[in-house]
Protein backbone atom coordinates (compact mmCIF):
# COMPACT_ATOMS: atom_id res chain seq x y z
CA MET A 1 20.36 -113.20 124.10
CA LYS A 2 23.65 -112.70 125.83
CA PRO A 3 24.21 -109.42 127.70
CA THR A 4 26.70 -107.06 126.17
CA ILE A 5 29.56 -105.74 128.35
CA THR A 6 31.01 -102.48 127.14
CA LEU A 7 34.42 -101.29 128.46
CA ALA A 8 34.48 -97.51 128.24
CA THR A 9 38.14 -97.39 129.01
CA THR A 10 39.12 -99.50 126.04
CA GLY A 11 36.13 -99.14 123.78
CA VAL A 12 36.01 -102.99 123.22
CA SER A 13 32.69 -104.87 122.99
CA ASP A 14 32.13 -108.64 122.49
CA ASN A 15 29.12 -111.00 122.79
CA SER A 16 30.89 -114.32 123.24
CA ASP A 17 30.95 -116.14 126.60
CA ASN A 18 34.72 -116.52 126.63
CA THR A 19 35.20 -112.87 125.86
CA ASP A 20 32.74 -111.87 128.60
CA SER A 21 34.53 -113.90 131.22
CA GLU A 22 37.93 -112.64 130.15
CA GLU A 23 36.78 -109.03 130.18
CA ILE A 24 35.19 -109.43 133.59
CA SER A 25 38.43 -110.95 134.91
CA ARG A 26 40.46 -108.15 133.42
CA LEU A 27 38.09 -105.56 134.88
CA ARG A 28 38.38 -107.08 138.35
CA LYS A 29 42.16 -107.09 138.12
CA ARG A 30 42.07 -103.49 136.97
CA GLN A 31 39.87 -102.57 139.94
CA ILE A 32 42.34 -104.27 142.27
CA ARG A 33 45.22 -102.35 140.77
CA LEU A 34 43.27 -99.12 141.08
CA ARG A 35 42.88 -99.81 144.82
CA ARG A 36 46.64 -99.72 145.16
CA CYS A 37 46.92 -96.06 144.21
CA PRO A 38 48.88 -93.74 146.58
CA SER A 39 45.86 -92.82 148.70
CA SER A 40 46.42 -93.06 152.42
CA SER A 41 42.90 -94.30 153.17
CA LYS A 42 42.99 -97.05 150.52
CA VAL A 43 46.51 -98.11 151.46
CA GLU A 44 45.49 -98.34 155.12
CA SER A 45 42.46 -100.44 154.19
CA ILE A 46 44.65 -102.79 152.18
CA VAL A 47 47.15 -103.11 155.05
CA THR A 48 44.29 -103.75 157.47
CA GLU A 49 42.84 -106.39 155.17
CA GLU A 50 46.24 -108.08 154.87
CA GLU A 51 46.63 -108.07 158.65
CA LYS A 52 43.20 -109.70 159.00
CA GLN A 53 44.17 -112.34 156.47
CA ARG A 54 47.46 -113.01 158.29
CA ARG A 55 45.70 -113.35 161.65
CA ALA A 56 43.31 -115.80 160.07
CA GLN A 57 46.18 -118.08 159.00
CA PRO A 58 46.40 -121.39 160.90
CA ASP A 59 50.06 -120.81 161.95
CA LYS A 60 48.99 -117.65 163.89
CA PRO A 61 51.81 -115.29 162.72
CA VAL A 62 53.13 -112.63 165.11
CA HIS A 63 55.50 -110.72 162.84
CA LYS A 64 54.88 -107.65 160.73
CA PRO A 65 57.08 -104.95 159.08
CA ARG A 66 58.33 -102.53 161.75
CA ASP A 67 61.53 -100.73 162.84
CA SER A 68 63.38 -100.97 166.13
CA ILE A 69 62.24 -98.16 168.39
CA LEU A 70 65.80 -96.82 168.79
CA SER A 71 66.28 -96.52 165.02
CA TRP A 72 66.56 -93.04 163.54
CA GLY A 73 63.59 -93.72 161.28
CA SER A 74 61.33 -94.85 164.10
CA ASP A 75 58.36 -92.75 165.16
CA PHE A 76 58.94 -93.64 168.82
CA ASP A 77 59.29 -90.55 171.01
CA ARG A 78 58.54 -91.68 174.55
CA TYR A 79 61.88 -91.27 176.30
CA GLU A 80 60.64 -90.30 179.75
CA GLY A 81 62.49 -93.19 181.35
CA VAL A 82 65.73 -92.29 179.60
CA ILE A 83 65.34 -88.70 180.75
CA ASN A 84 64.79 -89.94 184.31
CA LEU A 85 67.91 -92.10 184.01
CA GLY A 86 69.95 -89.16 182.76
CA GLY A 87 68.70 -86.96 185.58
CA LEU A 88 69.49 -89.65 188.15
CA LEU A 89 73.00 -90.19 186.77
CA LEU A 90 73.55 -86.43 186.76
CA PHE A 91 72.39 -86.24 190.36
CA LEU A 92 74.60 -89.11 191.47
CA GLY A 93 77.61 -87.70 189.61
CA GLY A 94 77.06 -84.29 191.13
CA LEU A 95 76.61 -85.83 194.58
CA ARG A 96 79.91 -87.71 194.24
CA LEU A 97 81.74 -84.56 193.17
CA SER A 98 80.12 -82.64 196.02
CA LEU A 99 81.24 -85.20 198.60
CA GLU A 100 84.73 -85.19 197.13
CA ASN A 101 84.78 -81.40 197.28
CA PHE A 102 83.61 -81.31 200.91
CA ASN A 103 86.11 -83.99 201.97
CA LYS A 104 89.03 -82.12 200.41
CA TYR A 105 88.18 -78.48 201.09
CA GLY A 106 85.53 -78.48 203.79
CA ILE A 107 82.86 -75.80 203.72
CA ARG A 108 84.23 -72.82 201.80
CA VAL A 109 81.03 -70.77 201.65
CA ASP A 110 81.63 -67.42 203.35
CA PRO A 111 79.05 -64.61 202.91
CA TYR A 112 81.66 -62.02 203.95
CA GLU A 113 83.73 -62.97 200.93
CA TRP A 114 80.67 -62.31 198.77
CA LEU A 115 80.55 -58.72 200.04
CA TYR A 116 84.24 -58.29 199.32
CA THR A 117 83.79 -59.78 195.85
CA PHE A 118 81.06 -57.27 195.01
CA PHE A 119 82.25 -54.16 196.80
CA GLY A 120 85.95 -54.66 197.50
CA HIS A 121 87.48 -53.28 200.69
CA VAL A 122 84.88 -51.03 202.29
CA ASP A 123 85.65 -49.23 205.53
CA ILE A 124 82.96 -46.70 206.36
CA PHE A 125 85.04 -45.29 209.22
CA SER A 126 88.04 -44.53 207.05
CA GLU A 127 88.53 -40.97 205.85
CA ASP A 128 90.14 -42.18 202.62
CA GLN A 129 87.34 -44.56 201.72
CA GLU A 130 85.86 -43.98 198.26
CA TYR A 131 82.59 -45.24 196.81
CA PRO A 132 82.96 -45.74 193.06
CA THR A 133 80.06 -48.22 193.05
CA LEU A 134 77.68 -45.50 194.22
CA PHE A 135 79.08 -43.15 191.57
CA ILE A 136 78.46 -45.73 188.81
CA ILE A 137 74.87 -46.22 189.96
CA LEU A 138 74.14 -42.48 190.09
CA TYR A 139 75.85 -41.72 186.78
CA ILE A 140 73.25 -43.88 184.99
CA ASN A 141 70.91 -40.87 185.04
CA VAL A 142 73.31 -38.68 183.04
CA PRO A 143 73.23 -40.48 179.65
CA LEU A 144 69.48 -41.07 179.96
CA VAL A 145 68.65 -37.41 180.51
CA THR A 146 71.21 -36.38 177.88
CA ALA A 147 69.60 -38.63 175.23
CA LEU A 148 66.18 -37.20 176.08
CA MET A 149 67.38 -33.59 175.80
CA ILE A 150 69.06 -34.27 172.44
CA GLU A 151 65.83 -35.77 171.10
CA LYS A 152 63.82 -32.78 172.34
CA MET A 153 66.17 -30.34 170.66
CA THR A 154 65.99 -32.33 167.44
CA HIS A 155 62.20 -32.35 167.52
CA LYS A 156 62.06 -28.60 168.04
CA LYS A 157 64.55 -28.22 165.15
CA TRP A 158 67.08 -26.46 167.34
CA ILE A 159 69.74 -28.81 165.97
CA SER A 160 69.96 -30.73 162.71
CA TRP A 161 69.91 -34.51 162.43
CA HIS A 162 73.63 -34.46 161.67
CA MET A 163 74.41 -32.70 164.97
CA CYS A 164 71.88 -34.90 166.75
CA ARG A 165 73.68 -38.01 165.51
CA VAL A 166 77.08 -36.68 166.60
CA PHE A 167 75.79 -35.83 170.09
CA HIS A 168 74.18 -39.24 170.46
CA TRP A 169 77.36 -41.06 169.46
CA ILE A 170 79.34 -39.02 171.98
CA ASN A 171 76.75 -39.77 174.68
CA MET A 172 76.71 -43.51 173.92
CA GLY A 173 80.50 -43.55 173.74
CA THR A 174 80.73 -42.17 177.27
CA VAL A 175 78.35 -44.94 178.37
CA LEU A 176 80.89 -47.56 177.33
CA LEU A 177 83.97 -45.63 178.45
CA MET A 178 82.83 -44.61 181.94
CA PRO A 179 83.11 -48.13 183.45
CA VAL A 180 86.55 -48.49 181.85
CA TYR A 181 87.76 -45.33 183.57
CA VAL A 182 86.28 -46.11 186.98
CA ILE A 183 87.41 -49.76 187.02
CA ASN A 184 90.98 -48.97 185.99
CA PHE A 185 91.53 -46.17 188.49
CA LYS A 186 89.38 -47.40 191.41
CA TYR A 187 89.68 -51.16 191.07
CA GLU A 188 90.62 -51.77 194.71
CA HIS A 189 87.41 -50.05 195.82
CA ILE A 190 84.99 -51.67 193.41
CA GLY A 191 85.87 -55.40 193.24
CA PRO A 192 85.86 -57.75 190.24
CA ALA A 193 82.25 -58.91 190.53
CA MET A 194 80.86 -55.40 190.80
CA SER A 195 83.02 -54.41 187.84
CA SER A 196 81.38 -57.14 185.76
CA LEU A 197 77.93 -56.03 186.90
CA ALA A 198 78.70 -52.40 186.07
CA CYS A 199 79.90 -53.32 182.57
CA ALA A 200 76.77 -55.40 182.00
CA ILE A 201 74.50 -52.54 183.11
CA TYR A 202 76.22 -49.99 180.91
CA ALA A 203 76.28 -52.37 177.92
CA VAL A 204 72.51 -52.77 178.31
CA MET A 205 72.16 -48.99 178.48
CA PHE A 206 74.20 -48.64 175.26
CA LEU A 207 71.87 -51.03 173.43
CA LYS A 208 68.75 -49.33 174.81
CA LEU A 209 69.94 -45.86 173.83
CA TRP A 210 70.73 -47.16 170.35
CA SER A 211 67.15 -48.40 170.04
CA TYR A 212 65.71 -45.20 171.55
CA VAL A 213 67.55 -42.98 169.08
CA GLN A 214 66.85 -45.14 166.05
CA VAL A 215 63.13 -45.56 166.73
CA ASN A 216 62.63 -41.82 167.24
CA ARG A 217 64.46 -41.28 163.96
CA TRP A 218 62.08 -43.71 162.21
CA ILE A 219 59.10 -41.83 163.63
CA ARG A 220 60.36 -38.48 162.36
CA LEU A 221 60.96 -39.95 158.91
CA SER A 222 57.46 -41.43 158.86
CA ALA A 223 55.89 -38.18 160.04
CA ALA A 224 57.74 -36.21 157.38
CA ASN A 225 56.18 -38.39 154.65
CA ARG A 226 59.45 -39.86 153.60
CA PRO A 227 59.51 -42.70 151.03
CA LEU A 228 57.72 -45.82 152.11
CA HIS A 229 60.82 -48.04 152.10
CA LEU A 230 62.31 -45.82 154.82
CA ALA A 231 59.16 -45.74 156.91
CA LYS A 232 58.84 -49.53 156.78
CA GLN A 233 61.97 -49.90 158.86
CA ALA A 234 59.95 -49.22 161.99
CA ARG A 235 57.82 -52.35 161.53
CA HIS A 236 55.43 -51.40 164.30
CA PRO A 237 51.67 -50.76 163.98
CA SER A 238 51.72 -47.69 166.19
CA LEU A 239 54.06 -45.95 163.74
CA LEU A 240 51.44 -46.13 160.99
CA ASN A 241 49.29 -43.56 162.84
CA VAL A 242 51.99 -41.11 163.87
CA VAL A 243 50.80 -37.59 164.56
CA PRO A 244 53.03 -35.04 162.77
CA PRO A 245 55.20 -32.91 165.08
CA SER A 246 53.23 -29.79 164.10
CA ALA A 247 49.97 -31.27 165.36
CA THR A 248 48.59 -30.34 168.77
CA ARG A 249 46.38 -32.10 171.27
CA LYS A 250 43.31 -30.18 170.04
CA THR A 251 43.46 -31.95 166.67
CA ARG A 252 43.14 -35.42 168.22
CA THR A 253 39.41 -35.93 168.34
CA PHE A 254 39.60 -39.75 168.65
CA PRO A 255 42.70 -40.74 170.60
CA MET A 256 43.91 -44.33 170.29
CA ARG A 257 43.54 -46.47 173.41
CA ASP A 258 44.73 -49.89 174.49
CA SER A 259 42.57 -52.71 175.83
CA PHE A 260 42.69 -51.23 179.35
CA GLY A 261 41.50 -47.79 178.26
CA ASN A 262 44.87 -46.08 178.48
CA GLU A 263 45.51 -43.49 175.80
CA LEU A 264 48.31 -44.54 173.46
CA VAL A 265 51.26 -42.17 173.39
CA GLN A 266 52.06 -40.45 170.11
CA TYR A 267 55.22 -38.65 169.08
CA PRO A 268 56.41 -36.21 170.44
CA ASP A 269 54.53 -36.88 173.70
CA ASN A 270 56.88 -39.79 174.33
CA LEU A 271 59.80 -37.38 174.89
CA ARG A 272 59.33 -37.33 178.64
CA LEU A 273 61.36 -38.43 181.65
CA LYS A 274 58.64 -40.88 182.66
CA ASP A 275 58.77 -42.55 179.27
CA ILE A 276 62.54 -42.95 179.01
CA TYR A 277 62.89 -44.14 182.60
CA TYR A 278 60.16 -46.73 182.05
CA PHE A 279 62.05 -47.96 178.99
CA TRP A 280 65.26 -48.10 181.03
CA MET A 281 63.63 -50.27 183.69
CA ALA A 282 61.54 -52.40 181.28
CA PRO A 283 62.83 -55.93 180.53
CA THR A 284 63.47 -55.23 176.86
CA LEU A 285 66.12 -53.69 174.62
CA CYS A 286 63.74 -52.53 171.88
CA TYR A 287 62.05 -49.17 172.32
CA GLU A 288 58.39 -48.61 171.44
CA LEU A 289 56.01 -45.76 172.01
CA ASN A 290 53.42 -48.03 173.60
CA PHE A 291 54.55 -51.27 175.20
CA PRO A 292 51.96 -54.00 175.84
CA ARG A 293 50.74 -53.57 179.41
CA SER A 294 49.14 -55.94 181.87
CA GLY A 295 46.05 -54.87 183.77
CA ARG A 296 47.24 -55.55 187.29
CA ILE A 297 50.15 -56.73 189.42
CA ARG A 298 49.88 -60.31 190.62
CA LYS A 299 51.29 -60.02 194.13
CA MET A 300 51.92 -63.72 194.73
CA PHE A 301 53.56 -64.14 191.33
CA LEU A 302 55.76 -61.12 192.01
CA LEU A 303 56.68 -62.46 195.46
CA ARG A 304 57.64 -65.89 194.10
CA ARG A 305 59.83 -64.45 191.37
CA ALA A 306 61.49 -62.01 193.79
CA LEU A 307 62.25 -64.86 196.22
CA GLU A 308 63.70 -66.87 193.36
CA VAL A 309 66.03 -63.97 192.58
CA VAL A 310 67.28 -63.78 196.16
CA VAL A 311 67.66 -67.54 196.56
CA GLY A 312 69.18 -67.94 193.08
CA ILE A 313 71.86 -65.33 193.74
CA ASN A 314 72.86 -67.05 196.96
CA ILE A 315 72.93 -70.49 195.33
CA THR A 316 75.05 -69.21 192.44
CA LEU A 317 77.56 -67.53 194.75
CA ALA A 318 77.73 -70.57 197.05
CA LEU A 319 78.29 -72.99 194.15
CA GLY A 320 80.96 -70.76 192.68
CA GLN A 321 82.80 -70.38 195.98
CA GLN A 322 82.53 -74.03 196.99
CA TRP A 323 82.90 -75.75 193.64
CA ILE A 324 84.26 -73.55 190.86
CA ILE A 325 87.08 -71.66 192.57
CA PRO A 326 88.99 -74.76 193.85
CA SER A 327 88.72 -76.48 190.46
CA VAL A 328 89.88 -73.41 188.57
CA VAL A 329 92.76 -72.77 190.99
CA ASN A 330 93.94 -76.35 190.75
CA SER A 331 93.87 -76.25 186.96
CA LEU A 332 96.52 -73.52 187.00
CA ILE A 333 99.58 -75.78 186.91
CA PRO A 334 98.45 -78.23 184.19
CA PHE A 335 97.22 -75.38 182.02
CA SER A 336 100.46 -73.43 182.49
CA ASP A 337 102.58 -76.51 181.71
CA MET A 338 100.42 -77.31 178.65
CA ASP A 339 99.78 -80.79 179.99
CA LEU A 340 97.00 -81.66 177.55
CA ALA A 341 95.86 -84.84 179.29
CA ARG A 342 95.52 -83.26 182.72
CA THR A 343 94.11 -80.05 181.25
CA LEU A 344 91.38 -82.04 179.51
CA GLU A 345 90.71 -83.86 182.78
CA ARG A 346 90.35 -80.51 184.58
CA ILE A 347 88.00 -79.23 181.88
CA LEU A 348 85.78 -82.29 182.22
CA LYS A 349 85.86 -82.01 186.02
CA LEU A 350 84.92 -78.35 185.82
CA ALA A 351 82.25 -78.89 183.16
CA LEU A 352 79.53 -80.24 185.45
CA PRO A 353 79.58 -77.56 188.21
CA ASN A 354 80.12 -74.81 185.65
CA HIS A 355 77.14 -75.97 183.59
CA LEU A 356 74.93 -76.27 186.67
CA ILE A 357 75.80 -72.69 187.59
CA TRP A 358 75.14 -71.58 184.00
CA LEU A 359 71.70 -73.22 184.05
CA THR A 360 70.97 -71.65 187.44
CA PHE A 361 72.07 -68.26 186.14
CA PHE A 362 69.88 -68.65 183.05
CA TYR A 363 66.78 -69.37 185.15
CA LEU A 364 67.70 -66.62 187.60
CA LEU A 365 68.14 -63.95 184.92
CA PHE A 366 65.71 -64.78 182.12
CA HIS A 367 62.86 -66.19 184.18
CA SER A 368 63.02 -64.92 187.74
CA PHE A 369 64.60 -61.47 187.41
CA LEU A 370 63.03 -60.36 184.11
CA ASN A 371 59.61 -61.63 185.19
CA THR A 372 60.01 -59.70 188.44
CA LEU A 373 60.70 -56.51 186.50
CA GLY A 374 57.90 -57.22 184.05
CA GLU A 375 55.34 -57.87 186.78
CA PHE A 376 56.36 -54.82 188.79
CA LEU A 377 56.21 -52.52 185.74
CA GLY A 378 53.11 -54.11 184.19
CA PHE A 379 55.12 -55.14 181.12
CA ALA A 380 52.99 -57.78 179.42
CA ASP A 381 55.49 -59.33 176.95
CA ARG A 382 57.19 -62.06 179.00
CA ASN A 383 58.65 -64.00 176.08
CA PHE A 384 62.28 -63.71 177.21
CA TYR A 385 63.44 -67.12 175.98
CA SER A 386 62.22 -70.02 173.91
CA ASP A 387 62.96 -73.76 173.94
CA TRP A 388 66.68 -73.39 173.25
CA TRP A 389 67.31 -76.82 174.81
CA ASN A 390 65.64 -78.35 171.73
CA ALA A 391 67.77 -76.33 169.28
CA GLU A 392 68.71 -78.47 166.31
CA ASP A 393 71.86 -76.45 165.58
CA LEU A 394 73.77 -73.48 166.96
CA PHE A 395 71.99 -71.10 164.61
CA ASP A 396 68.68 -72.02 166.25
CA PHE A 397 70.25 -71.80 169.72
CA TRP A 398 71.35 -68.20 169.28
CA LYS A 399 67.86 -67.30 168.05
CA LEU A 400 66.08 -68.96 170.99
CA TRP A 401 68.02 -68.61 174.21
CA ASN A 402 68.23 -64.80 174.59
CA LEU A 403 65.24 -63.27 172.86
CA PRO A 404 65.70 -59.64 174.04
CA VAL A 405 69.16 -59.48 172.45
CA HIS A 406 67.99 -61.45 169.40
CA ARG A 407 65.10 -59.06 168.78
CA TRP A 408 67.41 -56.06 169.16
CA ALA A 409 69.94 -57.52 166.71
CA VAL A 410 67.26 -58.34 164.12
CA ARG A 411 65.45 -55.01 164.46
CA HIS A 412 68.40 -52.62 164.72
CA LEU A 413 71.23 -54.37 162.88
CA PHE A 414 70.07 -57.20 160.65
CA LYS A 415 67.11 -55.58 158.88
CA PRO A 416 68.60 -52.06 158.52
CA LEU A 417 71.74 -53.54 156.94
CA LEU A 418 69.62 -55.68 154.62
CA TYR A 419 67.72 -52.56 153.54
CA ARG A 420 71.05 -50.98 152.66
CA GLY A 421 71.70 -53.78 150.19
CA TYR A 422 74.11 -56.05 152.08
CA SER A 423 73.82 -59.82 151.69
CA LYS A 424 72.47 -62.04 154.45
CA ILE A 425 75.86 -63.66 155.01
CA THR A 426 77.58 -60.28 155.39
CA VAL A 427 74.87 -59.04 157.74
CA SER A 428 75.01 -62.21 159.85
CA VAL A 429 78.78 -61.89 160.23
CA ALA A 430 78.35 -58.22 161.17
CA VAL A 431 75.82 -59.13 163.86
CA PHE A 432 78.18 -61.71 165.36
CA LEU A 433 81.05 -59.22 165.12
CA VAL A 434 79.11 -56.69 167.23
CA SER A 435 78.15 -59.47 169.66
CA ALA A 436 81.79 -60.57 169.89
CA LEU A 437 82.94 -57.02 170.67
CA LEU A 438 80.35 -56.67 173.45
CA HIS A 439 81.30 -60.07 174.92
CA GLU A 440 84.96 -59.07 174.97
CA TYR A 441 84.00 -55.77 176.60
CA LEU A 442 82.07 -57.60 179.33
CA VAL A 443 85.09 -59.78 180.13
CA SER A 444 88.22 -57.76 179.41
CA VAL A 445 87.19 -54.55 181.16
CA PRO A 446 86.32 -56.14 184.56
CA LEU A 447 89.52 -58.24 184.48
CA ARG A 448 91.59 -55.31 183.17
CA MET A 449 93.25 -57.36 180.47
CA PHE A 450 92.74 -57.65 176.74
CA ARG A 451 93.08 -61.24 175.51
CA LEU A 452 90.43 -61.59 172.73
CA TYR A 453 89.44 -65.06 173.98
CA SER A 454 85.78 -64.12 174.27
CA PHE A 455 85.92 -62.25 170.97
CA MET A 456 87.35 -65.23 169.11
CA GLY A 457 84.96 -67.57 170.91
CA MET A 458 81.95 -65.67 169.59
CA LEU A 459 83.34 -65.46 166.06
CA SER A 460 84.05 -69.20 166.15
CA GLN A 461 80.31 -69.72 166.48
CA VAL A 462 79.98 -68.98 162.75
CA PRO A 463 81.94 -72.08 161.57
CA LEU A 464 80.46 -74.11 164.43
CA MET A 465 77.00 -73.23 163.10
CA ILE A 466 77.97 -74.73 159.77
CA VAL A 467 79.26 -77.88 161.51
CA SER A 468 76.09 -78.26 163.57
CA GLN A 469 73.88 -77.71 160.51
CA GLN A 470 75.82 -80.31 158.53
CA ALA A 471 75.52 -82.75 161.43
CA LYS A 472 71.77 -82.13 161.48
CA TYR A 473 71.36 -82.67 157.75
CA ILE A 474 73.69 -85.68 157.41
CA ILE A 475 73.13 -87.58 160.68
CA GLY A 476 69.91 -86.14 162.05
CA LYS A 477 68.40 -83.49 164.30
CA ARG A 478 69.66 -85.20 167.45
CA ALA A 479 73.24 -84.92 166.25
CA GLY A 480 72.82 -81.17 165.74
CA ASN A 481 71.35 -80.85 169.23
CA LEU A 482 74.30 -82.80 170.68
CA VAL A 483 76.72 -80.37 169.02
CA VAL A 484 74.88 -77.51 170.73
CA TRP A 485 75.14 -79.15 174.15
CA MET A 486 78.81 -80.06 173.66
CA SER A 487 79.71 -76.48 172.77
CA LEU A 488 77.94 -75.23 175.90
CA ILE A 489 79.30 -77.84 178.31
CA LEU A 490 82.95 -77.87 177.16
CA GLY A 491 83.47 -74.39 175.72
CA GLN A 492 82.72 -72.40 178.87
CA PRO A 493 85.13 -74.27 181.24
CA LEU A 494 87.95 -73.87 178.71
CA ALA A 495 87.34 -70.12 178.44
CA LEU A 496 87.14 -69.85 182.24
CA MET A 497 90.49 -71.59 182.70
CA MET A 498 92.17 -69.47 180.03
CA TYR A 499 91.01 -66.21 181.55
CA TYR A 500 91.87 -67.27 185.09
CA HIS A 501 95.39 -68.34 184.08
CA ASP A 502 96.07 -65.01 182.37
CA PHE A 503 94.44 -63.09 185.24
CA VAL A 504 96.80 -64.72 187.77
CA VAL A 505 99.83 -64.08 185.60
CA ALA A 506 98.82 -60.46 184.97
CA ASN A 507 98.02 -59.59 188.59
CA TYR A 508 100.22 -61.85 190.70
CA GLY A 509 103.04 -62.78 188.35
CA SER A 510 104.30 -66.12 187.12
CA GLU A 511 106.11 -66.60 190.45
CA LEU A 512 102.83 -67.76 191.99
CA ILE A 513 102.54 -70.52 189.42
CA ALA A 514 106.15 -71.48 189.99
CA SER A 515 105.56 -71.68 193.74
CA PHE A 516 102.56 -73.93 193.19
CA GLY A 517 104.67 -76.11 190.91
CA THR A 518 107.36 -76.39 193.58
CA MET A 519 104.82 -77.33 196.26
CA HIS A 520 103.12 -79.85 193.96
CA PRO A 521 105.72 -81.09 191.48
CA ASN A 522 103.52 -83.93 190.26
CA ASN A 523 100.44 -81.75 189.84
CA THR A 524 98.64 -83.86 192.40
CA ILE A 525 96.40 -81.14 193.80
CA SER A 526 92.81 -81.70 192.78
């Protein structure tokens, strides 16, 4: 008796030989088709089986489906040799420019000029000598102590929150206006470089006081059992266990401690000089009651970072004096005459040394200096920057390259405005508007001229973000990264030339440019 083959999938049964063979053939074909389902393991086994069959062919084939390694769709990512080539070409190009610079100008590095740049004309034996730099340094204590006293009075309910807010705005306003007053009336005694440093210090103080006031306000709202959506603005675990202002030390039977056994500070115990001065020195712009602390100071690490700061400052000043100043001075005539071809040539010539100095300054500030402060103060959060060099568009770049400012903007501007009901686009534009105002402050006040170049440059980042994102989506991630690098390499030299041209015209008059044009009618200086 013939065996019966039953197909459960079709429900067909037959006892004939021809039918059995046909059904078996159909079943085998069906099994083969089932093996070609979108399963990675089965597909790989099929591909491997096909490769074995091809290798077993008598013509010994060597070809198989694959992309060129430089194609966009290729999975190839080993570009170490290309990176070495780029570094070597950059080194050779920089070496050629350095030799050209030395042959034309000789050695221009002069440490005495550095002292004049930072401190202006200083004559300790002169009876009329003034020291505005010392005044700026000492005045830092005034807004710090003032902010602390306002917070203490608010906690003790001596003044209302409305008066507290008014006093804080007045105090923070004086922080921004004091450098303006000193620089404008004592410019010959302070110098342009020290003016820039003073504006940077006081801008940092403005941002820190903003955070200090806002965080203490969040704590008071949380302690007063305000609605949850207001308390959530703090976004910090330590604020969830705030001790009400009416509580005393005797009620704290189980104080909170960190991993090193230190008792965590609770409001209002944070309203102390020690606390606010630690926040002022700490490498962060965002205030917290209890910062993460390291257990010890690594002496060798601290020494290396401190040496990097000293060496980096000298390298930056030497490169600027030897390389940047001659190029910027010699771009004066083409830029004044609006000679686009020669202006573009000057920008490209200035791009390499300017970018090298920018990279040196980035490492000096965000790695060496901030790590030095963090190690000395036991500040454990050393995440001051991320891999901005891999940014796929300008939006990612601004989130990665300066994390202290980014965290401050997100915590104290972006999220509070979102909670008030504004859209993300409106909030993002507002954040860049504040950033643009601070950038213009850091440039216009030290140079004593108001040109809005830096302001417009920051606002132009918004459309450039859209361009870089479109380049990333349409062409690829590498295209977006190239847009980021192009904006950094070419944008800064152009801004430098524009500010220098207007600075010369404002301080020395257009006659200086005319005299240069008479001496070099063909613009041959280089």
